[in-house]
Amino acid sequence: MVEQKTVMPVTPEILMTYIQDPGKLNIPSTKNIDYLLKKYPFFQTARLLQVKNLQNIHGTVDKQSLNLTAAYVADRKVLYYL
């Protein structure tokens, strides 16, 4: 039987770490951010962190993810600064 890893809820401390230092976003943090977005789909900061995470991991962001984030973010100027 294969064990499934459960995603631990993101604490405010972890979230603040990601916001203050987006360089710490990596492959394991993807699960944390995805968990946040499933629980709170309109959480703008989590959407921005998801795009930044994709950029950190792959070096680029696919157009679909960027368009989806742009639809949820009130001020699209912040996307430029990611």
N, C-alpha and C. Protein backbone atom coordinates (compact mmCIF):
# COMPACT_ATOMS: atom_id res chain seq x y z
N MET A 1 0.83 -1.17 0.00
CA MET A 1 0.00 0.00 0.00
C MET A 1 0.88 1.25 0.00
N VAL A 2 0.58 2.17 -0.88
CA VAL A 2 1.36 3.39 -1.03
C VAL A 2 0.80 4.46 -0.11
N GLU A 3 1.69 5.09 0.65
CA GLU A 3 1.26 6.17 1.52
C GLU A 3 1.10 7.44 0.72
N GLN A 4 0.04 8.16 0.97
CA GLN A 4 -0.15 9.46 0.34
C GLN A 4 0.28 10.53 1.31
N LYS A 5 1.08 11.44 0.83
CA LYS A 5 1.51 12.55 1.67
C LYS A 5 0.36 13.56 1.75
N THR A 6 0.03 13.92 2.95
CA THR A 6 -1.00 14.92 3.12
C THR A 6 -0.36 16.29 3.14
N VAL A 7 -1.07 17.25 2.63
CA VAL A 7 -0.58 18.61 2.61
C VAL A 7 -0.94 19.26 3.92
N MET A 8 0.06 19.77 4.59
CA MET A 8 -0.19 20.45 5.85
C MET A 8 -0.74 21.84 5.55
N PRO A 9 -1.70 22.29 6.32
CA PRO A 9 -2.23 23.64 6.11
C PRO A 9 -1.11 24.67 6.23
N VAL A 10 -1.23 25.71 5.46
CA VAL A 10 -0.23 26.76 5.45
C VAL A 10 -0.49 27.67 6.65
N THR A 11 0.51 27.81 7.49
CA THR A 11 0.39 28.69 8.64
C THR A 11 0.67 30.12 8.20
N PRO A 12 0.21 31.09 8.97
CA PRO A 12 0.52 32.49 8.63
C PRO A 12 2.01 32.77 8.55
N GLU A 13 2.79 32.07 9.37
CA GLU A 13 4.24 32.27 9.36
C GLU A 13 4.85 31.81 8.04
N ILE A 14 4.39 30.66 7.55
CA ILE A 14 4.89 30.14 6.27
C ILE A 14 4.48 31.08 5.14
N LEU A 15 3.25 31.53 5.17
CA LEU A 15 2.77 32.44 4.14
C LEU A 15 3.58 33.74 4.13
N MET A 16 3.86 34.28 5.31
CA MET A 16 4.67 35.50 5.40
C MET A 16 6.09 35.28 4.88
N THR A 17 6.62 34.09 5.12
CA THR A 17 7.95 33.76 4.61
C THR A 17 7.96 33.79 3.09
N TYR A 18 6.92 33.21 2.48
CA TYR A 18 6.82 33.20 1.03
C TYR A 18 6.66 34.62 0.48
N ILE A 19 5.90 35.45 1.15
CA ILE A 19 5.67 36.82 0.69
C ILE A 19 6.94 37.65 0.82
N GLN A 20 7.62 37.53 1.95
CA GLN A 20 8.82 38.33 2.20
C GLN A 20 10.01 37.88 1.37
N ASP A 21 10.10 36.58 1.10
CA ASP A 21 11.23 36.06 0.33
C ASP A 21 10.72 35.06 -0.70
N PRO A 22 10.23 35.55 -1.86
CA PRO A 22 9.70 34.64 -2.88
C PRO A 22 10.74 33.68 -3.43
N GLY A 23 12.00 33.91 -3.17
CA GLY A 23 13.04 32.99 -3.60
C GLY A 23 12.96 31.64 -2.90
N LYS A 24 12.25 31.58 -1.77
CA LYS A 24 12.08 30.33 -1.04
C LYS A 24 10.99 29.45 -1.63
N LEU A 25 10.28 29.95 -2.62
CA LEU A 25 9.26 29.14 -3.29
C LEU A 25 9.96 28.08 -4.13
N ASN A 26 9.53 26.83 -3.96
CA ASN A 26 10.15 25.73 -4.68
C ASN A 26 9.09 24.66 -4.97
N ILE A 27 9.51 23.49 -5.38
CA ILE A 27 8.56 22.44 -5.76
C ILE A 27 7.67 22.03 -4.59
N PRO A 28 8.20 21.78 -3.39
CA PRO A 28 7.30 21.42 -2.28
C PRO A 28 6.30 22.53 -1.91
N SER A 29 6.66 23.78 -2.10
CA SER A 29 5.75 24.87 -1.76
C SER A 29 4.56 24.93 -2.73
N THR A 30 4.69 24.29 -3.88
CA THR A 30 3.59 24.25 -4.84
C THR A 30 2.36 23.61 -4.23
N LYS A 31 2.55 22.54 -3.48
CA LYS A 31 1.42 21.85 -2.85
C LYS A 31 0.75 22.75 -1.82
N ASN A 32 1.54 23.50 -1.07
CA ASN A 32 0.97 24.41 -0.08
C ASN A 32 0.12 25.49 -0.73
N ILE A 33 0.62 26.05 -1.81
CA ILE A 33 -0.10 27.12 -2.50
C ILE A 33 -1.35 26.57 -3.17
N ASP A 34 -1.24 25.38 -3.76
CA ASP A 34 -2.42 24.75 -4.37
C ASP A 34 -3.49 24.48 -3.32
N TYR A 35 -3.08 24.07 -2.14
CA TYR A 35 -4.02 23.84 -1.04
C TYR A 35 -4.76 25.14 -0.70
N LEU A 36 -4.00 26.23 -0.60
CA LEU A 36 -4.62 27.53 -0.31
C LEU A 36 -5.63 27.91 -1.37
N LEU A 37 -5.28 27.70 -2.63
CA LEU A 37 -6.17 28.09 -3.72
C LEU A 37 -7.41 27.22 -3.81
N LYS A 38 -7.31 25.96 -3.40
CA LYS A 38 -8.50 25.12 -3.36
C LYS A 38 -9.44 25.58 -2.25
N LYS A 39 -8.85 25.97 -1.13
CA LYS A 39 -9.66 26.40 0.00
C LYS A 39 -10.19 27.82 -0.18
N TYR A 40 -9.37 28.69 -0.74
CA TYR A 40 -9.73 30.10 -0.95
C TYR A 40 -9.43 30.50 -2.40
N PRO A 41 -10.33 30.20 -3.33
CA PRO A 41 -10.02 30.41 -4.75
C PRO A 41 -9.83 31.87 -5.16
N PHE A 42 -10.32 32.82 -4.37
CA PHE A 42 -10.18 34.23 -4.74
C PHE A 42 -9.07 34.92 -3.95
N PHE A 43 -8.15 34.16 -3.37
CA PHE A 43 -7.05 34.69 -2.57
C PHE A 43 -5.97 35.22 -3.53
N GLN A 44 -5.97 36.55 -3.72
CA GLN A 44 -5.10 37.17 -4.72
C GLN A 44 -3.62 36.92 -4.45
N THR A 45 -3.22 37.02 -3.21
CA THR A 45 -1.80 36.83 -2.87
C THR A 45 -1.35 35.42 -3.21
N ALA A 46 -2.20 34.43 -2.94
CA ALA A 46 -1.85 33.05 -3.27
C ALA A 46 -1.73 32.87 -4.78
N ARG A 47 -2.58 33.54 -5.55
CA ARG A 47 -2.48 33.48 -7.01
C ARG A 47 -1.15 34.04 -7.48
N LEU A 48 -0.75 35.17 -6.90
CA LEU A 48 0.53 35.77 -7.28
C LEU A 48 1.70 34.88 -6.88
N LEU A 49 1.61 34.28 -5.71
CA LEU A 49 2.67 33.37 -5.27
C LEU A 49 2.75 32.14 -6.17
N GLN A 50 1.61 31.68 -6.66
CA GLN A 50 1.60 30.53 -7.56
C GLN A 50 2.35 30.85 -8.86
N VAL A 51 2.11 32.03 -9.40
CA VAL A 51 2.80 32.43 -10.63
C VAL A 51 4.29 32.59 -10.37
N LYS A 52 4.64 33.20 -9.25
CA LYS A 52 6.05 33.37 -8.91
C LYS A 52 6.72 32.02 -8.69
N ASN A 53 5.99 31.08 -8.10
CA ASN A 53 6.51 29.74 -7.88
C ASN A 53 6.79 29.06 -9.21
N LEU A 54 5.86 29.17 -10.15
CA LEU A 54 6.08 28.58 -11.48
C LEU A 54 7.29 29.21 -12.16
N GLN A 55 7.44 30.51 -11.98
CA GLN A 55 8.59 31.19 -12.57
C GLN A 55 9.90 30.71 -11.94
N ASN A 56 9.90 30.51 -10.63
CA ASN A 56 11.11 30.02 -9.95
C ASN A 56 11.47 28.61 -10.38
N ILE A 57 10.47 27.75 -10.55
CA ILE A 57 10.72 26.35 -10.88
C ILE A 57 11.10 26.18 -12.34
N HIS A 58 10.33 26.78 -13.25
CA HIS A 58 10.51 26.54 -14.68
C HIS A 58 11.26 27.65 -15.41
N GLY A 59 11.42 28.79 -14.78
CA GLY A 59 12.07 29.91 -15.45
C GLY A 59 11.12 30.77 -16.26
N THR A 60 9.97 30.23 -16.60
CA THR A 60 8.94 30.96 -17.33
C THR A 60 7.57 30.60 -16.75
N VAL A 61 6.58 31.35 -17.16
CA VAL A 61 5.21 31.09 -16.73
C VAL A 61 4.37 30.88 -17.98
N ASP A 62 3.55 29.84 -17.97
CA ASP A 62 2.71 29.60 -19.14
C ASP A 62 1.60 30.65 -19.22
N LYS A 63 1.16 30.90 -20.42
CA LYS A 63 0.19 31.97 -20.68
C LYS A 63 -1.13 31.73 -19.95
N GLN A 64 -1.56 30.49 -19.86
CA GLN A 64 -2.83 30.18 -19.21
C GLN A 64 -2.79 30.55 -17.73
N SER A 65 -1.72 30.21 -17.04
CA SER A 65 -1.60 30.56 -15.62
C SER A 65 -1.55 32.06 -15.42
N LEU A 66 -0.84 32.74 -16.29
CA LEU A 66 -0.73 34.19 -16.18
C LEU A 66 -2.08 34.86 -16.44
N ASN A 67 -2.82 34.39 -17.44
CA ASN A 67 -4.14 34.96 -17.73
C ASN A 67 -5.12 34.71 -16.60
N LEU A 68 -5.08 33.52 -16.02
CA LEU A 68 -5.96 33.21 -14.90
C LEU A 68 -5.66 34.10 -13.70
N THR A 69 -4.40 34.29 -13.41
CA THR A 69 -4.00 35.15 -12.30
C THR A 69 -4.40 36.59 -12.57
N ALA A 70 -4.24 37.04 -13.79
CA ALA A 70 -4.62 38.41 -14.15
C ALA A 70 -6.11 38.64 -13.95
N ALA A 71 -6.90 37.60 -14.17
CA ALA A 71 -8.34 37.74 -13.98
C ALA A 71 -8.72 37.88 -12.51
N TYR A 72 -7.94 37.29 -11.62
CA TYR A 72 -8.25 37.32 -10.19
C TYR A 72 -7.63 38.51 -9.45
N VAL A 73 -6.57 39.09 -10.01
CA VAL A 73 -5.85 40.15 -9.31
C VAL A 73 -6.46 41.51 -9.66
N ALA A 74 -6.69 42.31 -8.64
CA ALA A 74 -7.33 43.62 -8.84
C ALA A 74 -6.40 44.59 -9.58
N ASP A 75 -5.13 44.60 -9.22
CA ASP A 75 -4.17 45.51 -9.83
C ASP A 75 -3.15 44.70 -10.63
N ARG A 76 -3.29 44.71 -11.93
CA ARG A 76 -2.43 43.87 -12.78
C ARG A 76 -1.00 44.38 -12.87
N LYS A 77 -0.75 45.57 -12.38
CA LYS A 77 0.62 46.10 -12.39
C LYS A 77 1.56 45.22 -11.56
N VAL A 78 1.03 44.58 -10.53
CA VAL A 78 1.89 43.75 -9.69
C VAL A 78 2.44 42.55 -10.46
N LEU A 79 1.76 42.11 -11.50
CA LEU A 79 2.25 41.01 -12.32
C LEU A 79 3.55 41.39 -13.03
N TYR A 80 3.66 42.65 -13.38
CA TYR A 80 4.87 43.15 -14.05
C TYR A 80 6.09 43.02 -13.13
N TYR A 81 5.87 43.23 -11.84
CA TYR A 81 6.99 43.25 -10.89
C TYR A 81 7.36 41.88 -10.37
N LEU A 82 6.64 40.85 -10.77
CA LEU A 82 7.01 39.50 -10.35
C LEU A 82 8.25 39.08 -11.10
